[in-house]
Amino acid sequence: MSDSAAQDLLRVRGLDVTYRRSRLRGGDVNAVRGVNLTVGRGETVGLVGESGSGKSTIGSAVLGLAPVTGGSVQFDGADITHSTRTDRRLLARRMQVVFQDPYGSMNPAHTVGDTLAEALRYNLGLPADEIRERILRALDDVGLPPGAAHRYPAAFSGGQRQRIAIARALVMEPDFVVCDEAVSALDLSVQAQVLNLLARLKRTRGLSYLFISHDLTVVRYLSDTIVVLYAGQVVERGPAAQVADHPVHPYTRALLAAAPVPDPVVQRRRQAERRLAATTGPAAGRISAGCSFAPRCPFAQETCWTVQPHIVQHDETAVACHRHEEIAAGSALPAQTSSVAS
């Protein structure tokens, strides 16, 4: 094993996830296609994309909650692609998840202490004293008082419930946490608090995160590396600052333009970019045999419609776009609708 591979906690290679459906329901759905990603020890990798891009499906596949139809998932050097239920129970000691809706995953009839203790009893079989010690430590780590253990989920705000969900992951003392839209349902001020909490826990507990979100600016704040997904495929990946501040792929640029900013000058420029994409993009209805983003891309040329782009290196990032050099240099002109919709 190479030194770089030894530093990897999670390695996903050629991941395919296909949901089987009858022809009456439209046939099979290829939710994820040939995805590669790596999460190093102590690293945060952000998965970003619109709803339906496949990002949550990747998280579910890593956790064993979605069927893997191709490729492999390795955790700390072990292949967990098709792990049994028993193996997954053991993996839960090192791999945890924080979902978008913490209240929906809690039993309202159980106290917070009971909720946090459940996994410890089921997966670890710890004695009562150690369970209590882990619960109090986890609550303290997320900024909640010891008395919170005796209260019910309904007594807490949305932000506090998300802290409880994080504490539930922490009691297992994991190495790796999947955060699936973990802050998207929170107000902006509470989002910032939870993001700061996750960043602090990463430092103090040495955690690695797979951080999933539709918001590029949120992913940028917490991540070391960003992977951008469109239609189940990786279209751009690289260092977080490079991808978020200087995106190359037109889709990544569209995600950035869709994010609101407090600067009115920047906001007007982003709105102009969105209008440009809407007015110069290809005519609707054409099916692309090449790049899946071609029907929405203002820069799509005939090659984009017929030839699938491969991930290639562009400076610090990797991008799947035929015109990446022109776009990065600012010399790419929007393609005319008539030239691509024939």
C-alpha atoms as a PDB file:
ATOM      1  CA  MET A   1       0.000   0.000   0.000  1.00  0.00           C
ATOM      2  CA  SER A   2       1.352   3.436  -0.924  1.00  0.00           C
ATOM      3  CA  ASP A   3       1.877   6.167   1.686  1.00  0.00           C
ATOM      4  CA  SER A   4      -1.020   8.174   0.247  1.00  0.00           C
ATOM      5  CA  ALA A   5      -3.325   5.155   0.341  1.00  0.00           C
ATOM      6  CA  ALA A   6      -2.340   4.496   3.952  1.00  0.00           C
ATOM      7  CA  GLN A   7      -3.509   8.020   4.829  1.00  0.00           C
ATOM      8  CA  ASP A   8      -6.908   7.445   3.203  1.00  0.00           C
ATOM      9  CA  LEU A   9      -9.774   6.566   5.504  1.00  0.00           C
ATOM     10  CA  LEU A  10     -12.403   6.220   2.773  1.00  0.00           C
ATOM     11  CA  ARG A  11     -11.785   5.265  -0.851  1.00  0.00           C
ATOM     12  CA  VAL A  12     -14.644   5.100  -3.341  1.00  0.00           C
ATOM     13  CA  ARG A  13     -13.763   3.801  -6.796  1.00  0.00           C
ATOM     14  CA  GLY A  14     -16.015   3.559  -9.850  1.00  0.00           C
ATOM     15  CA  LEU A  15     -19.149   3.681  -7.716  1.00  0.00           C
ATOM     16  CA  ASP A  16     -22.412   2.908  -9.501  1.00  0.00           C
ATOM     17  CA  VAL A  17     -25.821   2.926  -7.863  1.00  0.00           C
ATOM     18  CA  THR A  18     -28.852   1.923  -9.917  1.00  0.00           C
ATOM     19  CA  TYR A  19     -32.362   1.822  -8.530  1.00  0.00           C
ATOM     20  CA  ARG A  20     -34.441  -0.874 -10.188  1.00  0.00           C
ATOM     21  CA  ARG A  21     -37.865   0.229 -11.363  1.00  0.00           C
ATOM     22  CA  SER A  22     -40.456  -1.253 -13.674  1.00  0.00           C
ATOM     23  CA  ARG A  23     -40.883   0.033 -17.209  1.00  0.00           C
ATOM     24  CA  LEU A  24     -44.267   1.406 -16.197  1.00  0.00           C
ATOM     25  CA  ARG A  25     -42.470   3.704 -13.759  1.00  0.00           C
ATOM     26  CA  GLY A  26     -39.888   4.829 -16.282  1.00  0.00           C
ATOM     27  CA  GLY A  27     -37.320   2.045 -15.990  1.00  0.00           C
ATOM     28  CA  ASP A  28     -34.113   1.861 -13.957  1.00  0.00           C
ATOM     29  CA  VAL A  29     -32.580   5.038 -12.507  1.00  0.00           C
ATOM     30  CA  ASN A  30     -28.775   5.411 -12.687  1.00  0.00           C
ATOM     31  CA  ALA A  31     -28.407   7.601  -9.610  1.00  0.00           C
ATOM     32  CA  VAL A  32     -24.578   7.424  -9.428  1.00  0.00           C
ATOM     33  CA  ARG A  33     -22.218   6.622 -12.294  1.00  0.00           C
ATOM     34  CA  GLY A  34     -18.509   5.893 -11.963  1.00  0.00           C
ATOM     35  CA  VAL A  35     -17.792   8.148  -9.000  1.00  0.00           C
ATOM     36  CA  ASN A  36     -14.297   8.262  -7.484  1.00  0.00           C
ATOM     37  CA  LEU A  37     -13.526  10.081  -4.259  1.00  0.00           C
ATOM     38  CA  THR A  38     -11.152   9.827  -1.320  1.00  0.00           C
ATOM     39  CA  VAL A  39     -11.437  11.088   2.250  1.00  0.00           C
ATOM     40  CA  GLY A  40      -8.154  11.292   4.136  1.00  0.00           C
ATOM     41  CA  ARG A  41      -7.744  10.972   7.876  1.00  0.00           C
ATOM     42  CA  GLY A  42      -8.800  14.220   9.517  1.00  0.00           C
ATOM     43  CA  GLU A  43     -10.061  15.584   6.189  1.00  0.00           C
ATOM     44  CA  THR A  44     -13.438  17.013   5.202  1.00  0.00           C
ATOM     45  CA  VAL A  45     -14.620  16.285   1.678  1.00  0.00           C
ATOM     46  CA  GLY A  46     -17.643  18.260   0.553  1.00  0.00           C
ATOM     47  CA  LEU A  47     -20.127  16.753  -1.915  1.00  0.00           C
ATOM     48  CA  VAL A  48     -22.144  19.490  -3.593  1.00  0.00           C
ATOM     49  CA  GLY A  49     -24.869  19.442  -6.223  1.00  0.00           C
ATOM     50  CA  GLU A  50     -28.537  20.079  -6.812  1.00  0.00           C
ATOM     51  CA  SER A  51     -31.321  17.806  -5.662  1.00  0.00           C
ATOM     52  CA  GLY A  52     -31.085  14.618  -7.696  1.00  0.00           C
ATOM     53  CA  SER A  53     -27.364  14.955  -8.379  1.00  0.00           C
ATOM     54  CA  GLY A  54     -26.573  11.748  -6.479  1.00  0.00           C
ATOM     55  CA  LYS A  55     -24.754  13.222  -3.514  1.00  0.00           C
ATOM     56  CA  SER A  56     -27.011  11.771  -0.809  1.00  0.00           C
ATOM     57  CA  THR A  57     -27.056   8.438  -2.654  1.00  0.00           C
ATOM     58  CA  ILE A  58     -23.258   8.298  -2.388  1.00  0.00           C
ATOM     59  CA  GLY A  59     -23.499   8.918   1.347  1.00  0.00           C
ATOM     60  CA  SER A  60     -26.119   6.179   1.644  1.00  0.00           C
ATOM     61  CA  ALA A  61     -23.961   3.764  -0.368  1.00  0.00           C
ATOM     62  CA  VAL A  62     -20.995   4.410   1.929  1.00  0.00           C
ATOM     63  CA  LEU A  63     -23.218   3.758   4.953  1.00  0.00           C
ATOM     64  CA  GLY A  64     -24.675   0.591   3.438  1.00  0.00           C
ATOM     65  CA  LEU A  65     -28.141   2.140   3.053  1.00  0.00           C
ATOM     66  CA  ALA A  66     -28.199   2.076  -0.770  1.00  0.00           C
ATOM     67  CA  PRO A  67     -27.372  -0.875  -3.052  1.00  0.00           C
ATOM     68  CA  VAL A  68     -23.996  -0.665  -4.797  1.00  0.00           C
ATOM     69  CA  THR A  69     -24.331  -2.023  -8.333  1.00  0.00           C
ATOM     70  CA  GLY A  70     -20.759  -1.329  -9.446  1.00  0.00           C
ATOM     71  CA  GLY A  71     -17.381  -0.227  -8.134  1.00  0.00           C
ATOM     72  CA  SER A  72     -16.102  -0.476  -4.579  1.00  0.00           C
ATOM     73  CA  VAL A  73     -16.119   1.242  -1.202  1.00  0.00           C
ATOM     74  CA  GLN A  74     -13.143   0.778   1.111  1.00  0.00           C
ATOM     75  CA  PHE A  75     -12.924   1.994   4.707  1.00  0.00           C
ATOM     76  CA  ASP A  76      -9.542   1.990   6.409  1.00  0.00           C
ATOM     77  CA  GLY A  77      -8.273  -0.496   3.823  1.00  0.00           C
ATOM     78  CA  ALA A  78     -11.170  -2.965   4.155  1.00  0.00           C
ATOM     79  CA  ASP A  79     -13.709  -3.541   1.400  1.00  0.00           C
ATOM     80  CA  ILE A  80     -17.156  -2.695   2.803  1.00  0.00           C
ATOM     81  CA  THR A  81     -19.006  -2.566  -0.537  1.00  0.00           C
ATOM     82  CA  HIS A  82     -21.348  -5.435   0.283  1.00  0.00           C
ATOM     83  CA  SER A  83     -20.927  -5.745   4.038  1.00  0.00           C
ATOM     84  CA  THR A  84     -23.300  -7.918   6.005  1.00  0.00           C
ATOM     85  CA  ARG A  85     -25.577  -6.567   8.712  1.00  0.00           C
ATOM     86  CA  THR A  86     -23.191  -7.899  11.347  1.00  0.00           C
ATOM     87  CA  ASP A  87     -20.251  -6.147   9.697  1.00  0.00           C
ATOM     88  CA  ARG A  88     -22.237  -2.907   9.511  1.00  0.00           C
ATOM     89  CA  ARG A  89     -23.002  -3.161  13.201  1.00  0.00           C
ATOM     90  CA  LEU A  90     -19.272  -3.301  13.877  1.00  0.00           C
ATOM     91  CA  LEU A  91     -18.650  -0.450  11.440  1.00  0.00           C
ATOM     92  CA  ALA A  92     -21.094   1.725  13.376  1.00  0.00           C
ATOM     93  CA  ARG A  93     -18.423   2.035  16.051  1.00  0.00           C
ATOM     94  CA  ARG A  94     -16.277   4.020  13.610  1.00  0.00           C
ATOM     95  CA  MET A  95     -18.732   5.370  11.040  1.00  0.00           C
ATOM     96  CA  GLN A  96     -21.706   7.556  11.955  1.00  0.00           C
ATOM     97  CA  VAL A  97     -24.192   9.878  10.225  1.00  0.00           C
ATOM     98  CA  VAL A  98     -25.981  13.171  10.928  1.00  0.00           C
ATOM     99  CA  PHE A  99     -29.128  13.664   8.846  1.00  0.00           C
ATOM    100  CA  GLN A 100     -30.991  16.816   7.824  1.00  0.00           C
ATOM    101  CA  ASP A 101     -34.015  16.231  10.065  1.00  0.00           C
ATOM    102  CA  PRO A 102     -32.896  15.239  13.572  1.00  0.00           C
ATOM    103  CA  TYR A 103     -36.421  15.242  14.997  1.00  0.00           C
ATOM    104  CA  GLY A 104     -37.621  12.734  12.411  1.00  0.00           C
ATOM    105  CA  SER A 105     -34.953  10.260  13.509  1.00  0.00           C
ATOM    106  CA  MET A 106     -35.693  10.580  17.252  1.00  0.00           C
ATOM    107  CA  ASN A 107     -38.413   8.854  19.226  1.00  0.00           C
ATOM    108  CA  PRO A 108     -40.400  11.714  20.815  1.00  0.00           C
ATOM    109  CA  ALA A 109     -41.372   9.401  23.680  1.00  0.00           C
ATOM    110  CA  HIS A 110     -37.735   8.847  24.668  1.00  0.00           C
ATOM    111  CA  THR A 111     -35.552  11.275  26.569  1.00  0.00           C
ATOM    112  CA  VAL A 112     -32.384  12.568  24.962  1.00  0.00           C
ATOM    113  CA  GLY A 113     -30.379  10.374  27.311  1.00  0.00           C
ATOM    114  CA  ASP A 114     -32.288   7.276  26.219  1.00  0.00           C
ATOM    115  CA  THR A 115     -31.792   8.210  22.562  1.00  0.00           C
ATOM    116  CA  LEU A 116     -28.044   8.606  22.992  1.00  0.00           C
ATOM    117  CA  ALA A 117     -27.746   5.438  25.086  1.00  0.00           C
ATOM    118  CA  GLU A 118     -29.588   3.210  22.621  1.00  0.00           C
ATOM    119  CA  ALA A 119     -26.706   2.767  20.163  1.00  0.00           C
ATOM    120  CA  LEU A 120     -24.220   2.221  22.988  1.00  0.00           C
ATOM    121  CA  ARG A 121     -26.320  -0.587  24.434  1.00  0.00           C
ATOM    122  CA  TYR A 122     -27.105  -2.171  21.085  1.00  0.00           C
ATOM    123  CA  ASN A 123     -23.719  -1.919  19.380  1.00  0.00           C
ATOM    124  CA  LEU A 124     -21.224  -1.881  22.246  1.00  0.00           C
ATOM    125  CA  GLY A 125     -22.972  -3.436  25.244  1.00  0.00           C
ATOM    126  CA  LEU A 126     -21.339  -0.947  27.604  1.00  0.00           C
ATOM    127  CA  PRO A 127     -22.083  -0.826  31.354  1.00  0.00           C
ATOM    128  CA  ALA A 128     -24.386   1.910  32.647  1.00  0.00           C
ATOM    129  CA  ASP A 129     -21.593   4.003  34.187  1.00  0.00           C
ATOM    130  CA  GLU A 130     -19.622   4.184  30.953  1.00  0.00           C
ATOM    131  CA  ILE A 131     -22.749   4.936  28.942  1.00  0.00           C
ATOM    132  CA  ARG A 132     -23.567   7.836  31.265  1.00  0.00           C
ATOM    133  CA  GLU A 133     -19.993   9.139  31.022  1.00  0.00           C
ATOM    134  CA  ARG A 134     -20.045   9.058  27.212  1.00  0.00           C
ATOM    135  CA  ILE A 135     -23.440  10.787  27.080  1.00  0.00           C
ATOM    136  CA  LEU A 136     -22.351  13.623  29.364  1.00  0.00           C
ATOM    137  CA  ARG A 137     -19.123  14.099  27.433  1.00  0.00           C
ATOM    138  CA  ALA A 138     -20.941  14.189  24.096  1.00  0.00           C
ATOM    139  CA  LEU A 139     -23.516  16.684  25.367  1.00  0.00           C
ATOM    140  CA  ASP A 140     -20.738  18.895  26.701  1.00  0.00           C
ATOM    141  CA  ASP A 141     -18.876  18.690  23.397  1.00  0.00           C
ATOM    142  CA  VAL A 142     -21.928  19.986  21.510  1.00  0.00           C
ATOM    143  CA  GLY A 143     -22.623  22.765  24.015  1.00  0.00           C
ATOM    144  CA  LEU A 144     -25.606  21.281  25.868  1.00  0.00           C
ATOM    145  CA  PRO A 145     -25.917  21.006  29.680  1.00  0.00           C
ATOM    146  CA  PRO A 146     -26.023  17.665  31.481  1.00  0.00           C
ATOM    147  CA  GLY A 147     -29.706  18.228  32.277  1.00  0.00           C
ATOM    148  CA  ALA A 148     -30.530  17.933  28.576  1.00  0.00           C
ATOM    149  CA  ALA A 149     -30.262  14.151  28.946  1.00  0.00           C
ATOM    150  CA  HIS A 150     -33.472  14.113  31.012  1.00  0.00           C
ATOM    151  CA  ARG A 151     -35.565  16.177  28.593  1.00  0.00           C
ATOM    152  CA  TYR A 152     -37.547  15.154  25.511  1.00  0.00           C
ATOM    153  CA  PRO A 153     -36.762  16.192  21.900  1.00  0.00           C
ATOM    154  CA  ALA A 154     -39.845  18.451  21.690  1.00  0.00           C
ATOM    155  CA  ALA A 155     -38.351  20.694  24.376  1.00  0.00           C
ATOM    156  CA  PHE A 156     -35.500  21.789  22.104  1.00  0.00           C
ATOM    157  CA  SER A 157     -35.167  24.169  19.157  1.00  0.00           C
ATOM    158  CA  GLY A 158     -34.145  22.993  15.693  1.00  0.00           C
ATOM    159  CA  GLY A 159     -30.527  23.973  16.246  1.00  0.00           C
ATOM    160  CA  GLN A 160     -30.429  22.232  19.625  1.00  0.00           C
ATOM    161  CA  ARG A 161     -31.929  19.084  18.124  1.00  0.00           C
ATOM    162  CA  GLN A 162     -29.190  19.049  15.515  1.00  0.00           C
ATOM    163  CA  ARG A 163     -26.647  19.316  18.313  1.00  0.00           C
ATOM    164  CA  ILE A 164     -28.328  16.301  19.925  1.00  0.00           C
ATOM    165  CA  ALA A 165     -28.057  14.435  16.611  1.00  0.00           C
ATOM    166  CA  ILE A 166     -24.344  15.261  16.501  1.00  0.00           C
ATOM    167  CA  ALA A 167     -23.997  14.105  20.111  1.00  0.00           C
ATOM    168  CA  ARG A 168     -25.685  10.809  19.172  1.00  0.00           C
ATOM    169  CA  ALA A 169     -22.945  10.306  16.564  1.00  0.00           C
ATOM    170  CA  LEU A 170     -20.212  11.324  18.997  1.00  0.00           C
ATOM    171  CA  VAL A 171     -21.122   8.843  21.742  1.00  0.00           C
ATOM    172  CA  MET A 172     -19.890   6.056  19.481  1.00  0.00           C
ATOM    173  CA  GLU A 173     -16.505   7.840  19.302  1.00  0.00           C
ATOM    174  CA  PRO A 174     -16.272   7.417  15.496  1.00  0.00           C
ATOM    175  CA  ASP A 175     -13.454   8.265  13.112  1.00  0.00           C
ATOM    176  CA  PHE A 176     -15.745   9.201  10.231  1.00  0.00           C
ATOM    177  CA  VAL A 177     -19.081  11.038  10.038  1.00  0.00           C
ATOM    178  CA  VAL A 178     -21.378  11.518   7.039  1.00  0.00           C
ATOM    179  CA  CYS A 179     -23.192  14.863   7.329  1.00  0.00           C
ATOM    180  CA  ASP A 180     -26.136  14.691   4.919  1.00  0.00           C
ATOM    181  CA  GLU A 181     -27.577  18.220   4.527  1.00  0.00           C
ATOM    182  CA  ALA A 182     -26.919  18.588   8.248  1.00  0.00           C
ATOM    183  CA  VAL A 183     -27.433  22.384   8.322  1.00  0.00           C
ATOM    184  CA  SER A 184     -29.745  23.033   5.365  1.00  0.00           C
ATOM    185  CA  ALA A 185     -32.920  23.170   7.484  1.00  0.00           C
ATOM    186  CA  LEU A 186     -31.458  25.687   9.956  1.00  0.00           C
ATOM    187  CA  ASP A 187     -31.576  29.476  10.018  1.00  0.00           C
ATOM    188  CA  LEU A 188     -28.412  31.175   8.782  1.00  0.00           C
ATOM    189  CA  SER A 189     -27.228  32.217  12.248  1.00  0.00           C
ATOM    190  CA  VAL A 190     -27.806  28.708  13.603  1.00  0.00           C
ATOM    191  CA  GLN A 191     -26.114  27.241  10.516  1.00  0.00           C
ATOM    192  CA  ALA A 192     -22.981  29.183  11.359  1.00  0.00           C
ATOM    193  CA  GLN A 193     -23.028  27.923  14.946  1.00  0.00           C
ATOM    194  CA  VAL A 194     -23.385  24.286  13.892  1.00  0.00           C
ATOM    195  CA  LEU A 195     -20.683  24.637  11.214  1.00  0.00           C
ATOM    196  CA  ASN A 196     -18.325  26.107  13.800  1.00  0.00           C
ATOM    197  CA  LEU A 197     -19.183  23.217  16.107  1.00  0.00           C
ATOM    198  CA  LEU A 198     -18.408  20.642  13.401  1.00  0.00           C
ATOM    199  CA  ALA A 199     -15.107  22.395  12.637  1.00  0.00           C
ATOM    200  CA  ARG A 200     -14.152  22.367  16.322  1.00  0.00           C
ATOM    201  CA  LEU A 201     -15.041  18.686  16.714  1.00  0.00           C
ATOM    202  CA  LYS A 202     -12.922  17.899  13.683  1.00  0.00           C
ATOM    203  CA  ARG A 203      -9.927  19.439  15.450  1.00  0.00           C
ATOM    204  CA  THR A 204     -10.526  18.127  18.957  1.00  0.00           C
ATOM    205  CA  ARG A 205     -11.678  14.617  18.045  1.00  0.00           C
ATOM    206  CA  GLY A 206      -9.710  14.140  14.821  1.00  0.00           C
ATOM    207  CA  LEU A 207     -12.855  13.438  12.816  1.00  0.00           C
ATOM    208  CA  SER A 208     -13.124  12.962   9.068  1.00  0.00           C
ATOM    209  CA  TYR A 209     -16.290  14.178   7.355  1.00  0.00           C
ATOM    210  CA  LEU A 210     -18.133  13.487   4.145  1.00  0.00           C
ATOM    211  CA  PHE A 211     -20.134  16.715   4.111  1.00  0.00           C
ATOM    212  CA  ILE A 212     -23.109  16.707   1.738  1.00  0.00           C
ATOM    213  CA  SER A 213     -24.933  19.890   0.769  1.00  0.00           C
ATOM    214  CA  HIS A 214     -26.575  21.716  -2.134  1.00  0.00           C
ATOM    215  CA  ASP A 215     -25.012  25.012  -0.986  1.00  0.00           C
ATOM    216  CA  LEU A 216     -21.533  25.631  -2.375  1.00  0.00           C
ATOM    217  CA  THR A 217     -20.786  28.444   0.094  1.00  0.00           C
ATOM    218  CA  VAL A 218     -21.598  26.193   3.074  1.00  0.00           C
ATOM    219  CA  VAL A 219     -19.440  23.390   1.675  1.00  0.00           C
ATOM    220  CA  ARG A 220     -16.631  25.870   1.057  1.00  0.00           C
ATOM    221  CA  TYR A 221     -16.577  26.901   4.716  1.00  0.00           C
ATOM    222  CA  LEU A 222     -16.056  23.446   6.195  1.00  0.00           C
ATOM    223  CA  SER A 223     -14.339  21.408   3.479  1.00  0.00           C
ATOM    224  CA  ASP A 224     -10.721  20.784   2.561  1.00  0.00           C
ATOM    225  CA  THR A 225     -11.721  19.251  -0.781  1.00  0.00           C
ATOM    226  CA  ILE A 226     -14.871  19.790  -2.833  1.00  0.00           C
ATOM    227  CA  VAL A 227     -16.410  17.269  -5.238  1.00  0.00           C
ATOM    228  CA  VAL A 228     -19.122  18.663  -7.540  1.00  0.00           C
ATOM    229  CA  LEU A 229     -21.763  16.244  -8.814  1.00  0.00           C
ATOM    230  CA  TYR A 230     -24.182  16.568 -11.694  1.00  0.00           C
ATOM    231  CA  ALA A 231     -26.573  13.810 -12.801  1.00  0.00           C
ATOM    232  CA  GLY A 232     -24.685  11.228 -10.759  1.00  0.00           C
ATOM    233  CA  GLN A 233     -21.234  12.051 -12.122  1.00  0.00           C
ATOM    234  CA  VAL A 234     -18.273  14.078 -10.890  1.00  0.00           C
ATOM    235  CA  VAL A 235     -17.833  17.217 -13.003  1.00  0.00           C
ATOM    236  CA  GLU A 236     -15.229  19.023 -10.892  1.00  0.00           C
ATOM    237  CA  ARG A 237     -13.115  18.352  -7.818  1.00  0.00           C
ATOM    238  CA  GLY A 238     -10.165  19.968  -6.084  1.00  0.00           C
ATOM    239  CA  PRO A 239      -9.112  22.099  -3.110  1.00  0.00           C
ATOM    240  CA  ALA A 240     -12.116  23.843  -1.574  1.00  0.00           C
ATOM    241  CA  ALA A 241     -10.816  27.373  -2.052  1.00  0.00           C
ATOM    242  CA  GLN A 242      -9.949  26.755  -5.697  1.00  0.00           C
ATOM    243  CA  VAL A 243     -13.241  25.088  -6.634  1.00  0.00           C
ATOM    244  CA  ALA A 244     -15.467  27.548  -4.753  1.00  0.00           C
ATOM    245  CA  ASP A 245     -13.606  30.762  -5.573  1.00  0.00           C
ATOM    246  CA  HIS A 246     -12.394  29.965  -9.095  1.00  0.00           C
ATOM    247  CA  PRO A 247     -14.717  27.297 -10.537  1.00  0.00           C
ATOM    248  CA  VAL A 248     -14.032  26.034 -14.045  1.00  0.00           C
ATOM    249  CA  HIS A 249     -16.970  23.815 -14.939  1.00  0.00           C
ATOM    250  CA  PRO A 250     -20.085  25.735 -16.093  1.00  0.00           C
ATOM    251  CA  TYR A 251     -22.230  23.797 -13.626  1.00  0.00           C
ATOM    252  CA  THR A 252     -20.004  24.731 -10.672  1.00  0.00           C
ATOM    253  CA  ARG A 253     -20.189  28.327 -11.866  1.00  0.00           C
ATOM    254  CA  ALA A 254     -23.972  28.065 -11.948  1.00  0.00           C
ATOM    255  CA  LEU A 255     -24.020  26.782  -8.360  1.00  0.00           C
ATOM    256  CA  LEU A 256     -21.837  29.704  -7.295  1.00  0.00           C
ATOM    257  CA  ALA A 257     -24.021  32.207  -9.165  1.00  0.00           C
ATOM    258  CA  ALA A 258     -27.123  30.818  -7.425  1.00  0.00           C
ATOM    259  CA  ALA A 259     -25.718  31.461  -3.947  1.00  0.00           C
ATOM    260  CA  PRO A 260     -26.866  34.815  -2.464  1.00  0.00           C
ATOM    261  CA  VAL A 261     -24.163  37.218  -1.286  1.00  0.00           C
ATOM    262  CA  PRO A 262     -24.414  40.438   0.754  1.00  0.00           C
ATOM    263  CA  ASP A 263     -22.449  42.481  -1.816  1.00  0.00           C
ATOM    264  CA  PRO A 264     -25.020  44.013  -4.238  1.00  0.00           C
ATOM    265  CA  VAL A 265     -22.438  44.426  -7.001  1.00  0.00           C
ATOM    266  CA  VAL A 266     -21.469  40.760  -6.882  1.00  0.00           C
ATOM    267  CA  GLN A 267     -25.112  39.745  -6.592  1.00  0.00           C
ATOM    268  CA  ARG A 268     -26.049  41.715  -9.727  1.00  0.00           C
ATOM    269  CA  ARG A 269     -23.185  40.110 -11.633  1.00  0.00           C
ATOM    270  CA  ARG A 270     -24.318  36.639 -10.601  1.00  0.00           C
ATOM    271  CA  GLN A 271     -27.894  37.401 -11.604  1.00  0.00           C
ATOM    272  CA  ALA A 272     -26.625  38.548 -15.008  1.00  0.00           C
ATOM    273  CA  GLU A 273     -24.715  35.277 -15.406  1.00  0.00           C
ATOM    274  CA  ARG A 274     -27.869  33.272 -14.636  1.00  0.00           C
ATOM    275  CA  ARG A 275     -29.865  35.301 -17.160  1.00  0.00           C
ATOM    276  CA  LEU A 276     -27.142  34.760 -19.760  1.00  0.00           C
ATOM    277  CA  ALA A 277     -27.284  30.994 -19.219  1.00  0.00           C
ATOM    278  CA  ALA A 278     -31.057  31.046 -19.541  1.00  0.00           C
ATOM    279  CA  THR A 279     -31.129  33.052 -22.772  1.00  0.00           C
ATOM    280  CA  THR A 280     -28.162  31.574 -24.634  1.00  0.00           C
ATOM    281  CA  GLY A 281     -28.439  27.932 -23.603  1.00  0.00           C
ATOM    282  CA  PRO A 282     -29.472  25.213 -26.047  1.00  0.00           C
ATOM    283  CA  ALA A 283     -33.062  24.704 -27.066  1.00  0.00           C
ATOM    284  CA  ALA A 284     -35.015  22.498 -24.721  1.00  0.00           C
ATOM    285  CA  GLY A 285     -35.870  18.941 -25.671  1.00  0.00           C
ATOM    286  CA  ARG A 286     -32.637  17.746 -27.248  1.00  0.00           C
ATOM    287  CA  ILE A 287     -31.101  14.678 -25.626  1.00  0.00           C
ATOM    288  CA  SER A 288     -27.334  14.696 -25.145  1.00  0.00           C
ATOM    289  CA  ALA A 289     -25.289  11.604 -25.934  1.00  0.00           C
ATOM    290  CA  GLY A 290     -22.199  13.373 -24.598  1.00  0.00           C
ATOM    291  CA  CYS A 291     -22.004  15.716 -21.620  1.00  0.00           C
ATOM    292  CA  SER A 292     -25.055  15.388 -19.376  1.00  0.00           C
ATOM    293  CA  PHE A 293     -24.927  19.131 -18.645  1.00  0.00           C
ATOM    294  CA  ALA A 294     -25.050  20.118 -22.331  1.00  0.00           C
ATOM    295  CA  PRO A 295     -28.819  20.801 -22.379  1.00  0.00           C
ATOM    296  CA  ARG A 296     -28.311  23.480 -19.719  1.00  0.00           C
ATOM    297  CA  CYS A 297     -24.850  24.758 -20.613  1.00  0.00           C
ATOM    298  CA  PRO A 298     -24.491  28.141 -22.345  1.00  0.00           C
ATOM    299  CA  PHE A 299     -21.086  27.078 -23.695  1.00  0.00           C
ATOM    300  CA  ALA A 300     -22.166  23.733 -25.197  1.00  0.00           C
ATOM    301  CA  GLN A 301     -20.887  23.035 -28.705  1.00  0.00           C
ATOM    302  CA  GLU A 302     -21.619  20.070 -30.962  1.00  0.00           C
ATOM    303  CA  THR A 303     -18.758  18.059 -29.420  1.00  0.00           C
ATOM    304  CA  CYS A 304     -20.358  18.490 -26.008  1.00  0.00           C
ATOM    305  CA  TRP A 305     -23.552  16.880 -27.287  1.00  0.00           C
ATOM    306  CA  THR A 306     -21.868  13.867 -28.857  1.00  0.00           C
ATOM    307  CA  VAL A 307     -18.714  13.063 -26.846  1.00  0.00           C
ATOM    308  CA  GLN A 308     -18.659  12.296 -23.123  1.00  0.00           C
ATOM    309  CA  PRO A 309     -15.960  14.439 -21.434  1.00  0.00           C
ATOM    310  CA  HIS A 310     -13.459  12.722 -19.144  1.00  0.00           C
ATOM    311  CA  ILE A 311     -12.056  14.120 -15.915  1.00  0.00           C
ATOM    312  CA  VAL A 312      -8.771  15.876 -16.709  1.00  0.00           C
ATOM    313  CA  GLN A 313      -6.415  17.886 -14.563  1.00  0.00           C
ATOM    314  CA  HIS A 314      -6.653  21.669 -14.812  1.00  0.00           C
ATOM    315  CA  ASP A 315      -4.122  23.392 -12.546  1.00  0.00           C
ATOM    316  CA  GLU A 316      -5.126  22.380  -8.995  1.00  0.00           C
ATOM    317  CA  THR A 317      -8.523  20.992  -9.923  1.00  0.00           C
ATOM    318  CA  ALA A 318      -9.864  18.179 -12.075  1.00  0.00           C
ATOM    319  CA  VAL A 319     -12.756  18.926 -14.416  1.00  0.00           C
ATOM    320  CA  ALA A 320     -14.941  17.097 -16.932  1.00  0.00           C
ATOM    321  CA  CYS A 321     -15.521  19.735 -19.610  1.00  0.00           C
ATOM    322  CA  HIS A 322     -14.431  19.931 -23.256  1.00  0.00           C
ATOM    323  CA  ARG A 323     -14.039  23.716 -23.074  1.00  0.00           C
ATOM    324  CA  HIS A 324     -12.454  24.016 -19.623  1.00  0.00           C
ATOM    325  CA  GLU A 325      -9.347  25.842 -20.835  1.00  0.00           C
ATOM    326  CA  GLU A 326     -11.335  28.478 -22.716  1.00  0.00           C
ATOM    327  CA  ILE A 327     -13.760  28.945 -19.817  1.00  0.00           C
ATOM    328  CA  ALA A 328     -10.969  29.290 -17.270  1.00  0.00           C
ATOM    329  CA  ALA A 329      -9.181  31.812 -19.489  1.00  0.00           C
ATOM    330  CA  GLY A 330     -12.380  33.792 -19.999  1.00  0.00           C
ATOM    331  CA  SER A 331     -12.198  33.370 -23.776  1.00  0.00           C
ATOM    332  CA  ALA A 332     -15.142  30.973 -24.147  1.00  0.00           C
ATOM    333  CA  LEU A 333     -18.101  32.619 -25.844  1.00  0.00           C
ATOM    334  CA  PRO A 334     -21.613  31.293 -25.204  1.00  0.00           C
ATOM    335  CA  ALA A 335     -22.709  28.963 -27.953  1.00  0.00           C
ATOM    336  CA  GLN A 336     -25.645  30.141 -30.038  1.00  0.00           C
ATOM    337  CA  THR A 337     -28.820  28.154 -29.626  1.00  0.00           C
ATOM    338  CA  SER A 338     -29.082  27.555 -33.361  1.00  0.00           C
ATOM    339  CA  SER A 339     -25.635  26.030 -33.555  1.00  0.00           C
ATOM    340  CA  VAL A 340     -26.318  23.311 -31.009  1.00  0.00           C
ATOM    341  CA  ALA A 341     -29.987  22.559 -31.334  1.00  0.00           C
ATOM    342  CA  SER A 342     -30.031  21.253 -34.880  1.00  0.00           C
END
